[in-house]
Amino acid sequence: LIIETIFINNSNSMLLTMLMLSTLFTFTYTFRLMSICNSMSPQTYQPLFIFHHSKPMEYSSILSSILSISFGSMLQWMFFNYEDIIIIPQNLKLSILYLIPLSMFMKITIYKKSKYLKSPFLFKMWFLDLIIKKMYKNPMKLSFNFNMNMEKGWMEMYSLTLNKFLMKKMFLLNNNLITPMHTSITIISSLIIMYMIL
């Protein structure tokens, strides 16, 4: 809903807010994941909460995890097992994968006059997920960016794509919007993420 509102209303302030949120939750989610991977082996790893068990959820982590997944990690949790922050049954994952392109098709049919749909962001991210999943099965095909942390499993990459996309949208909407401050924030964010990865 937030993403739709941003692109349908073409609101620069909301775009900037989304960009900052994405960067913030990239830090949160990446740091959390790296901490888990560094301190626990796959055999002892326990997810934060599990949908198909009756185990009580850790309420202190729910909000940050949901926000991280929504703004940062997007859909990659569908494709992994022990690294998952949330464990969901495989059939439910497949259902979600089926519903995403279907919902995009319905959006295009219903809102075909909307400028937002000329660049269906969610569908692009879904397609990117499939590509990365295919690459992940054959590490020899991975580029340096995706390969530098393979020993720890997968690494958060989607927020970087989201940030780049939002920056591009902001630039197209208003060429004067990208100030040195915004550029500095993006550069610093990227450097911090790279430091955390390495």
Protein backbone atom coordinates (compact mmCIF):
# COMPACT_ATOMS: atom_id res chain seq x y z
CA LEU A 1 0.00 0.00 0.00
CA ILE A 2 2.82 2.41 0.86
CA ILE A 3 4.65 1.68 -2.38
CA GLU A 4 1.45 2.08 -4.38
CA THR A 5 0.69 5.40 -2.72
CA ILE A 6 4.18 6.66 -3.43
CA PHE A 7 4.14 5.94 -7.13
CA ILE A 8 0.52 6.73 -7.85
CA ASN A 9 0.66 10.09 -6.06
CA ASN A 10 4.18 10.89 -7.27
CA SER A 11 4.93 12.40 -3.89
CA ASN A 12 8.56 13.43 -3.50
CA SER A 13 8.35 13.57 0.28
CA MET A 14 6.98 10.05 0.48
CA LEU A 15 9.67 8.83 -1.90
CA LEU A 16 12.33 10.28 0.33
CA THR A 17 10.68 8.76 3.39
CA MET A 18 10.57 5.37 1.73
CA LEU A 19 14.21 5.67 0.75
CA MET A 20 15.25 6.47 4.30
CA LEU A 21 13.13 3.66 5.73
CA SER A 22 14.61 1.19 3.29
CA THR A 23 18.14 2.21 4.26
CA LEU A 24 17.33 2.06 7.96
CA PHE A 25 15.83 -1.41 7.79
CA THR A 26 18.68 -2.60 5.63
CA PHE A 27 20.99 -1.83 8.55
CA THR A 28 18.61 -3.42 11.06
CA TYR A 29 17.96 -6.59 9.13
CA THR A 30 21.53 -7.08 7.90
CA PHE A 31 23.03 -6.59 11.35
CA ARG A 32 20.49 -8.95 12.88
CA LEU A 33 21.14 -11.62 10.27
CA MET A 34 24.91 -11.30 10.50
CA SER A 35 24.75 -11.59 14.28
CA ILE A 36 22.70 -14.76 14.01
CA CYS A 37 24.97 -16.28 11.37
CA ASN A 38 28.11 -15.44 13.34
CA SER A 39 26.85 -16.82 16.64
CA MET A 40 24.91 -19.90 15.58
CA SER A 41 25.50 -22.79 13.22
CA PRO A 42 22.79 -24.02 10.80
CA GLN A 43 22.21 -27.06 13.03
CA THR A 44 21.46 -24.94 16.10
CA TYR A 45 19.75 -22.04 14.37
CA GLN A 46 16.26 -21.26 15.64
CA PRO A 47 13.99 -18.87 13.70
CA LEU A 48 12.45 -15.94 15.48
CA PHE A 49 9.00 -17.38 15.03
CA ILE A 50 7.39 -20.25 13.11
CA PHE A 51 3.97 -20.15 11.47
CA HIS A 52 3.27 -23.88 11.35
CA HIS A 53 4.19 -24.61 14.98
CA SER A 54 2.38 -23.61 18.14
CA LYS A 55 5.57 -22.25 19.69
CA PRO A 56 4.96 -18.79 21.23
CA MET A 57 6.35 -15.95 19.16
CA GLU A 58 8.99 -13.59 20.41
CA TYR A 59 6.90 -10.43 20.46
CA SER A 60 9.88 -8.18 21.03
CA SER A 61 11.18 -9.04 17.54
CA ILE A 62 7.98 -9.18 15.51
CA LEU A 63 7.71 -5.52 14.52
CA SER A 64 11.34 -5.09 13.49
CA SER A 65 11.29 -8.35 11.54
CA ILE A 66 8.11 -7.49 9.65
CA LEU A 67 9.36 -4.02 8.81
CA SER A 68 12.72 -5.40 7.73
CA ILE A 69 11.10 -7.92 5.43
CA SER A 70 8.65 -5.36 4.04
CA PHE A 71 11.15 -2.60 3.32
CA GLY A 72 14.46 -4.40 3.07
CA SER A 73 14.62 -8.08 2.30
CA MET A 74 11.47 -8.15 0.16
CA LEU A 75 10.80 -11.74 -0.93
CA GLN A 76 14.04 -13.67 -0.50
CA TRP A 77 12.81 -15.37 2.70
CA MET A 78 10.68 -17.58 0.43
CA PHE A 79 13.70 -19.37 -0.95
CA PHE A 80 15.79 -20.35 2.06
CA ASN A 81 15.55 -22.75 4.97
CA TYR A 82 17.81 -22.43 7.98
CA GLU A 83 18.63 -18.78 7.29
CA ASP A 84 14.99 -17.78 7.39
CA ILE A 85 13.92 -15.30 10.02
CA ILE A 86 10.37 -16.60 9.52
CA ILE A 87 9.65 -20.22 8.59
CA ILE A 88 6.64 -20.74 6.34
CA PRO A 89 5.44 -24.06 4.87
CA GLN A 90 6.65 -24.65 1.32
CA ASN A 91 3.15 -24.90 -0.15
CA LEU A 92 2.32 -21.48 1.29
CA LYS A 93 5.49 -20.05 -0.24
CA LEU A 94 4.52 -21.42 -3.63
CA SER A 95 1.03 -19.97 -3.25
CA ILE A 96 2.49 -16.55 -2.50
CA LEU A 97 4.78 -16.82 -5.52
CA TYR A 98 1.76 -17.61 -7.66
CA LEU A 99 -0.34 -14.77 -6.26
CA ILE A 100 2.29 -12.06 -6.78
CA PRO A 101 2.31 -12.11 -10.62
CA LEU A 102 -1.42 -12.79 -10.63
CA SER A 103 -2.07 -9.71 -8.51
CA MET A 104 0.19 -7.65 -10.76
CA PHE A 105 -1.77 -8.83 -13.79
CA MET A 106 -5.02 -7.83 -12.10
CA LYS A 107 -3.55 -4.44 -11.24
CA ILE A 108 -2.53 -3.87 -14.83
CA THR A 109 -6.00 -4.85 -15.97
CA ILE A 110 -7.83 -2.68 -13.44
CA TYR A 111 -5.46 0.30 -13.21
CA LYS A 112 -3.90 0.22 -16.68
CA LYS A 113 -3.96 4.04 -16.89
CA SER A 114 -1.77 4.44 -13.83
CA LYS A 115 1.82 5.62 -14.39
CA TYR A 116 2.94 3.35 -11.58
CA LEU A 117 2.08 0.27 -13.60
CA LYS A 118 4.41 1.23 -16.43
CA SER A 119 7.12 0.07 -14.06
CA PRO A 120 5.60 -2.75 -11.95
CA PHE A 121 8.13 -2.70 -9.15
CA LEU A 122 6.89 -5.72 -7.22
CA PHE A 123 6.89 -7.91 -10.31
CA LYS A 124 10.45 -6.85 -11.09
CA MET A 125 11.53 -7.73 -7.57
CA TRP A 126 9.75 -11.08 -7.81
CA PHE A 127 11.51 -11.81 -11.10
CA LEU A 128 14.85 -10.75 -9.59
CA ASP A 129 14.26 -13.15 -6.72
CA LEU A 130 13.81 -16.03 -9.15
CA ILE A 131 17.00 -15.12 -11.00
CA ILE A 132 19.02 -14.89 -7.79
CA LYS A 133 17.59 -18.19 -6.58
CA LYS A 134 18.71 -19.81 -9.82
CA MET A 135 22.16 -18.26 -9.45
CA TYR A 136 22.36 -19.37 -5.84
CA LYS A 137 22.04 -23.01 -6.93
CA ASN A 138 25.16 -22.60 -9.05
CA PRO A 139 27.63 -20.42 -7.10
CA MET A 140 30.11 -20.47 -10.01
CA LYS A 141 27.77 -18.14 -11.89
CA LEU A 142 27.54 -15.66 -9.06
CA SER A 143 29.03 -12.23 -9.50
CA PHE A 144 31.42 -10.81 -6.89
CA ASN A 145 28.61 -8.84 -5.25
CA PHE A 146 26.60 -11.96 -4.54
CA ASN A 147 29.59 -14.21 -3.85
CA MET A 148 31.50 -12.25 -1.23
CA ASN A 149 29.53 -13.67 1.68
CA MET A 150 28.55 -17.09 0.42
CA GLU A 151 30.20 -18.83 3.38
CA LYS A 152 27.55 -17.29 5.64
CA GLY A 153 24.66 -18.18 3.37
CA TRP A 154 22.73 -15.45 1.58
CA MET A 155 23.17 -11.73 2.02
CA GLU A 156 20.74 -8.86 2.00
CA MET A 157 20.85 -7.27 -1.45
CA TYR A 158 17.30 -6.13 -2.11
CA SER A 159 17.38 -2.89 -0.17
CA LEU A 160 20.27 -1.73 -2.34
CA THR A 161 18.12 -2.38 -5.40
CA LEU A 162 15.17 -0.65 -3.76
CA ASN A 163 17.27 2.39 -2.86
CA LYS A 164 18.62 2.66 -6.39
CA PHE A 165 15.13 2.39 -7.83
CA LEU A 166 13.72 5.02 -5.49
CA MET A 167 16.60 7.39 -6.14
CA LYS A 168 15.97 7.04 -9.86
CA LYS A 169 12.26 7.73 -9.40
CA MET A 170 13.00 10.77 -7.30
CA PHE A 171 15.44 12.09 -9.87
CA LEU A 172 12.92 11.65 -12.69
CA LEU A 173 10.19 13.41 -10.73
CA ASN A 174 12.31 16.37 -9.80
CA ASN A 175 15.85 16.89 -11.06
CA ASN A 176 16.53 19.33 -8.22
CA LEU A 177 15.52 16.90 -5.49
CA ILE A 178 18.79 15.00 -5.35
CA THR A 179 20.97 17.23 -3.21
CA PRO A 180 24.53 16.61 -1.96
CA MET A 181 23.01 15.59 1.37
CA HIS A 182 20.93 12.84 -0.23
CA THR A 183 23.91 11.67 -2.25
CA SER A 184 26.05 11.58 0.89
CA ILE A 185 23.42 9.56 2.76
CA THR A 186 23.33 7.02 -0.06
CA ILE A 187 27.13 6.73 -0.24
CA ILE A 188 27.50 6.39 3.53
CA SER A 189 24.70 3.81 3.62
CA SER A 190 26.39 1.75 0.93
CA LEU A 191 29.77 1.90 2.69
CA ILE A 192 28.27 0.79 5.99
CA ILE A 193 26.47 -2.11 4.31
CA MET A 194 29.66 -3.13 2.51
CA TYR A 195 31.57 -3.00 5.81
CA MET A 196 28.98 -5.20 7.47
CA ILE A 197 29.10 -7.68 4.58
CA LEU A 198 32.88 -7.93 4.56
